[in-house]
N, C-alpha and C. Protein backbone atom coordinates (compact mmCIF):
# COMPACT_ATOMS: atom_id res chain seq x y z
N MET A 1 14.33 -16.42 -11.13
CA MET A 1 13.23 -15.70 -11.80
C MET A 1 13.03 -16.31 -13.16
N ASN A 2 11.89 -16.91 -13.41
CA ASN A 2 11.65 -17.49 -14.72
C ASN A 2 10.75 -16.59 -15.55
N VAL A 3 10.54 -17.05 -16.78
CA VAL A 3 9.75 -16.27 -17.75
C VAL A 3 8.32 -16.11 -17.30
N LEU A 4 7.80 -17.07 -16.71
CA LEU A 4 6.38 -17.04 -16.21
C LEU A 4 6.14 -15.89 -15.22
N SER A 5 7.16 -15.63 -14.41
CA SER A 5 7.09 -14.60 -13.47
C SER A 5 6.88 -13.20 -14.23
N PHE A 6 7.65 -13.00 -15.31
CA PHE A 6 7.45 -11.78 -16.03
C PHE A 6 6.14 -11.74 -16.76
N VAL A 7 5.65 -12.82 -17.23
CA VAL A 7 4.28 -12.93 -17.83
C VAL A 7 3.26 -12.53 -16.78
N GLY A 8 3.40 -12.94 -15.55
CA GLY A 8 2.47 -12.59 -14.46
C GLY A 8 2.50 -11.11 -14.26
N PHE A 9 3.75 -10.52 -14.23
CA PHE A 9 3.82 -9.07 -14.08
C PHE A 9 3.17 -8.30 -15.20
N ALA A 10 3.32 -8.81 -16.38
CA ALA A 10 2.70 -8.16 -17.59
C ALA A 10 1.20 -8.28 -17.52
N VAL A 11 0.67 -9.46 -17.04
CA VAL A 11 -0.81 -9.57 -16.92
C VAL A 11 -1.31 -8.66 -15.84
N LEU A 12 -0.61 -8.51 -14.71
CA LEU A 12 -0.99 -7.66 -13.65
C LEU A 12 -1.04 -6.19 -14.10
N ALA A 13 0.11 -5.80 -14.84
CA ALA A 13 0.14 -4.44 -15.37
C ALA A 13 -1.10 -4.19 -16.38
N ALA A 14 -1.38 -5.10 -17.21
CA ALA A 14 -2.47 -5.02 -18.16
C ALA A 14 -3.82 -4.90 -17.47
N ALA A 15 -3.99 -5.66 -16.41
CA ALA A 15 -5.28 -5.58 -15.62
C ALA A 15 -5.36 -4.21 -14.91
N LEU A 16 -4.27 -3.77 -14.30
CA LEU A 16 -4.26 -2.50 -13.66
C LEU A 16 -4.52 -1.32 -14.75
N SER A 17 -3.94 -1.49 -15.86
CA SER A 17 -4.12 -0.52 -16.94
C SER A 17 -5.57 -0.44 -17.33
N ALA A 18 -6.23 -1.61 -17.50
CA ALA A 18 -7.62 -1.65 -17.87
C ALA A 18 -8.53 -1.00 -16.79
N ALA A 19 -8.13 -1.31 -15.50
CA ALA A 19 -8.88 -0.69 -14.42
C ALA A 19 -8.71 0.80 -14.32
N LEU A 20 -7.51 1.34 -14.70
CA LEU A 20 -7.22 2.79 -14.54
C LEU A 20 -7.68 3.58 -15.81
N THR A 21 -7.93 2.91 -16.93
CA THR A 21 -8.23 3.62 -18.14
C THR A 21 -9.55 4.42 -18.06
N PRO A 22 -10.60 3.92 -17.43
CA PRO A 22 -11.82 4.78 -17.23
C PRO A 22 -11.53 5.98 -16.42
N LEU A 23 -10.66 5.82 -15.41
CA LEU A 23 -10.34 6.99 -14.64
C LEU A 23 -9.58 8.05 -15.43
N ALA A 24 -8.63 7.57 -16.29
CA ALA A 24 -7.88 8.47 -17.11
C ALA A 24 -8.84 9.17 -18.13
N ARG A 25 -9.83 8.37 -18.61
CA ARG A 25 -10.75 9.02 -19.58
C ARG A 25 -11.56 10.17 -18.87
N LEU A 26 -12.01 9.79 -17.71
CA LEU A 26 -12.77 10.78 -16.92
C LEU A 26 -11.92 12.08 -16.66
N ALA A 27 -10.73 11.85 -16.22
CA ALA A 27 -9.74 13.05 -15.98
C ALA A 27 -9.57 13.77 -17.31
N SER A 28 -9.42 13.03 -18.44
CA SER A 28 -9.26 13.73 -19.72
C SER A 28 -10.48 14.64 -20.04
N LEU A 29 -11.62 14.12 -19.88
CA LEU A 29 -12.85 14.85 -20.17
C LEU A 29 -12.94 16.05 -19.30
N ARG A 30 -12.63 15.93 -17.90
CA ARG A 30 -12.72 17.01 -17.00
C ARG A 30 -11.71 18.10 -17.31
N LEU A 31 -10.55 17.71 -17.72
CA LEU A 31 -9.44 18.63 -17.98
C LEU A 31 -9.50 19.18 -19.48
N GLY A 32 -10.33 18.61 -20.29
CA GLY A 32 -10.49 19.09 -21.61
C GLY A 32 -9.35 18.61 -22.57
N ALA A 33 -8.74 17.56 -22.14
CA ALA A 33 -7.64 16.93 -23.01
C ALA A 33 -8.35 15.99 -24.03
N ILE A 34 -8.98 16.56 -25.00
CA ILE A 34 -9.72 15.86 -26.00
C ILE A 34 -9.16 16.12 -27.36
N ASP A 35 -8.93 15.07 -28.16
CA ASP A 35 -8.50 15.20 -29.54
C ASP A 35 -9.76 15.33 -30.46
N GLN A 36 -9.80 16.37 -31.13
CA GLN A 36 -10.88 16.65 -32.00
C GLN A 36 -10.63 16.01 -33.39
N PRO A 37 -11.67 15.42 -33.98
CA PRO A 37 -11.41 14.80 -35.36
C PRO A 37 -11.19 15.89 -36.46
N ASP A 38 -10.48 15.54 -37.47
CA ASP A 38 -10.30 16.35 -38.64
C ASP A 38 -10.04 15.44 -39.85
N PRO A 39 -9.89 15.95 -41.00
CA PRO A 39 -9.76 15.04 -42.15
C PRO A 39 -8.54 14.17 -42.11
N ARG A 40 -7.54 14.62 -41.39
CA ARG A 40 -6.23 13.73 -41.38
C ARG A 40 -6.20 12.70 -40.36
N LYS A 41 -7.26 12.60 -39.51
CA LYS A 41 -7.31 11.70 -38.37
C LYS A 41 -8.23 10.55 -38.73
N VAL A 42 -8.01 9.38 -38.03
CA VAL A 42 -8.84 8.22 -38.22
C VAL A 42 -10.16 8.25 -37.51
N HIS A 43 -10.14 8.82 -36.30
CA HIS A 43 -11.36 8.82 -35.48
C HIS A 43 -12.44 9.91 -36.00
N ARG A 44 -13.68 9.47 -35.82
CA ARG A 44 -14.76 10.35 -36.31
C ARG A 44 -15.49 11.13 -35.20
N LYS A 45 -15.11 10.83 -33.92
CA LYS A 45 -15.71 11.57 -32.79
C LYS A 45 -14.56 12.05 -31.83
N PRO A 46 -14.78 12.95 -30.99
CA PRO A 46 -13.72 13.38 -30.04
C PRO A 46 -13.21 12.24 -29.20
N MET A 47 -11.94 12.18 -28.97
CA MET A 47 -11.30 11.08 -28.25
C MET A 47 -10.43 11.66 -27.12
N PRO A 48 -10.60 11.07 -25.87
CA PRO A 48 -9.72 11.45 -24.72
C PRO A 48 -8.29 11.17 -25.08
N ARG A 49 -7.35 12.03 -24.60
CA ARG A 49 -5.95 11.87 -24.96
C ARG A 49 -5.04 11.33 -23.81
N MET A 50 -5.63 10.94 -22.65
CA MET A 50 -4.79 10.61 -21.45
C MET A 50 -4.81 9.10 -21.22
N GLY A 51 -5.14 8.26 -22.16
CA GLY A 51 -5.10 6.76 -21.95
C GLY A 51 -3.75 6.24 -21.68
N GLY A 52 -2.70 6.86 -22.25
CA GLY A 52 -1.39 6.36 -22.01
C GLY A 52 -0.89 6.58 -20.58
N LEU A 53 -1.56 7.54 -19.91
CA LEU A 53 -1.16 7.86 -18.50
C LEU A 53 -1.63 6.61 -17.67
N ALA A 54 -2.75 5.97 -18.01
CA ALA A 54 -3.10 4.79 -17.23
C ALA A 54 -2.14 3.64 -17.38
N VAL A 55 -1.63 3.49 -18.54
CA VAL A 55 -0.61 2.45 -18.84
C VAL A 55 0.63 2.81 -18.14
N LEU A 56 1.15 3.98 -18.10
CA LEU A 56 2.30 4.35 -17.44
C LEU A 56 2.19 4.10 -15.89
N ILE A 57 1.11 4.57 -15.37
CA ILE A 57 0.88 4.37 -13.93
C ILE A 57 0.80 2.98 -13.51
N ALA A 58 0.10 2.11 -14.33
CA ALA A 58 0.00 0.68 -14.06
C ALA A 58 1.43 0.03 -14.11
N MET A 59 2.18 0.36 -15.15
CA MET A 59 3.55 -0.16 -15.17
C MET A 59 4.43 0.30 -13.98
N ALA A 60 4.30 1.51 -13.61
CA ALA A 60 5.04 2.00 -12.47
C ALA A 60 4.63 1.31 -11.18
N ILE A 61 3.38 1.13 -10.98
CA ILE A 61 2.92 0.39 -9.78
C ILE A 61 3.53 -1.02 -9.72
N VAL A 62 3.42 -1.74 -10.87
CA VAL A 62 3.92 -3.10 -10.87
C VAL A 62 5.44 -3.09 -10.64
N ALA A 63 6.18 -2.21 -11.29
CA ALA A 63 7.62 -2.13 -11.13
C ALA A 63 8.00 -1.86 -9.61
N VAL A 64 7.37 -0.91 -9.02
CA VAL A 64 7.63 -0.64 -7.64
C VAL A 64 7.28 -1.82 -6.68
N LEU A 65 6.10 -2.44 -6.92
CA LEU A 65 5.77 -3.58 -6.11
C LEU A 65 6.74 -4.76 -6.31
N ALA A 66 7.17 -4.98 -7.50
CA ALA A 66 8.09 -6.07 -7.79
C ALA A 66 9.49 -5.76 -7.21
N GLU A 67 9.89 -4.54 -7.32
CA GLU A 67 11.19 -4.15 -6.74
C GLU A 67 11.22 -4.29 -5.25
N ALA A 68 10.05 -3.99 -4.61
CA ALA A 68 9.98 -4.15 -3.15
C ALA A 68 9.75 -5.45 -2.66
N GLY A 69 9.64 -6.49 -3.63
CA GLY A 69 9.43 -7.89 -3.31
C GLY A 69 8.07 -8.26 -2.86
N LEU A 70 7.08 -7.39 -3.15
CA LEU A 70 5.75 -7.69 -2.75
C LEU A 70 4.92 -8.54 -3.70
N LEU A 71 5.60 -8.88 -4.80
CA LEU A 71 4.96 -9.82 -5.86
C LEU A 71 5.69 -11.09 -5.94
N GLY A 72 6.30 -11.53 -4.87
CA GLY A 72 7.11 -12.77 -4.94
C GLY A 72 8.54 -12.40 -4.82
N PRO A 73 9.43 -13.25 -5.27
CA PRO A 73 10.87 -13.02 -5.10
C PRO A 73 11.26 -11.68 -5.77
N ALA A 74 12.03 -10.93 -5.10
CA ALA A 74 12.42 -9.61 -5.59
C ALA A 74 13.17 -9.70 -6.91
N ILE A 75 12.83 -8.75 -7.75
CA ILE A 75 13.54 -8.64 -9.07
C ILE A 75 14.75 -7.74 -8.75
N VAL A 76 15.88 -8.14 -9.14
CA VAL A 76 17.06 -7.26 -8.92
C VAL A 76 17.27 -6.51 -10.26
N LEU A 77 16.97 -5.24 -10.19
CA LEU A 77 17.11 -4.43 -11.43
C LEU A 77 18.56 -4.07 -11.55
N PRO A 78 18.99 -3.89 -12.83
CA PRO A 78 20.39 -3.34 -12.95
C PRO A 78 20.51 -1.99 -12.31
N TRP A 79 21.82 -1.73 -11.92
CA TRP A 79 22.09 -0.52 -11.08
C TRP A 79 21.58 0.75 -11.88
N ALA A 80 21.76 0.79 -13.16
CA ALA A 80 21.32 2.03 -13.87
C ALA A 80 19.89 2.21 -13.84
N LEU A 81 19.08 1.12 -13.86
CA LEU A 81 17.60 1.32 -13.75
C LEU A 81 17.22 1.65 -12.27
N ARG A 82 17.85 1.06 -11.37
CA ARG A 82 17.55 1.40 -9.90
C ARG A 82 17.81 2.85 -9.65
N ARG A 83 18.85 3.41 -10.21
CA ARG A 83 19.15 4.79 -9.98
C ARG A 83 18.06 5.70 -10.56
N GLY A 84 17.40 5.30 -11.65
CA GLY A 84 16.31 6.06 -12.22
C GLY A 84 15.03 5.98 -11.50
N LEU A 85 14.84 4.90 -10.68
CA LEU A 85 13.61 4.77 -9.89
C LEU A 85 13.79 5.58 -8.66
C-alpha cells in the first residue's frame, strides 16, 4: 500500500462529501437545524448545521469499502480500529 492509494481514498471521500453536502443541507433545512446569526458569529444569514454529517458519512463509506477490499488491495486496519468498526 503506497501513499498514492491513500491520496486516492482522500479524493474519493472528498468527492462523496461534496455530493452528500446538498443532501445534508436539505435535511438541515427540513429538520430546522439552522444556526441563526448574532453579533458574536461571523455569518450574516442563517446557516445549516449538518454539513459535518456529510463528511462523516463520506469517510465512513470509504473506510468500509476500503476495508472490504472493494477499492483495490485491502487495507489492514490495526486491531483496535477494526474492533471499533
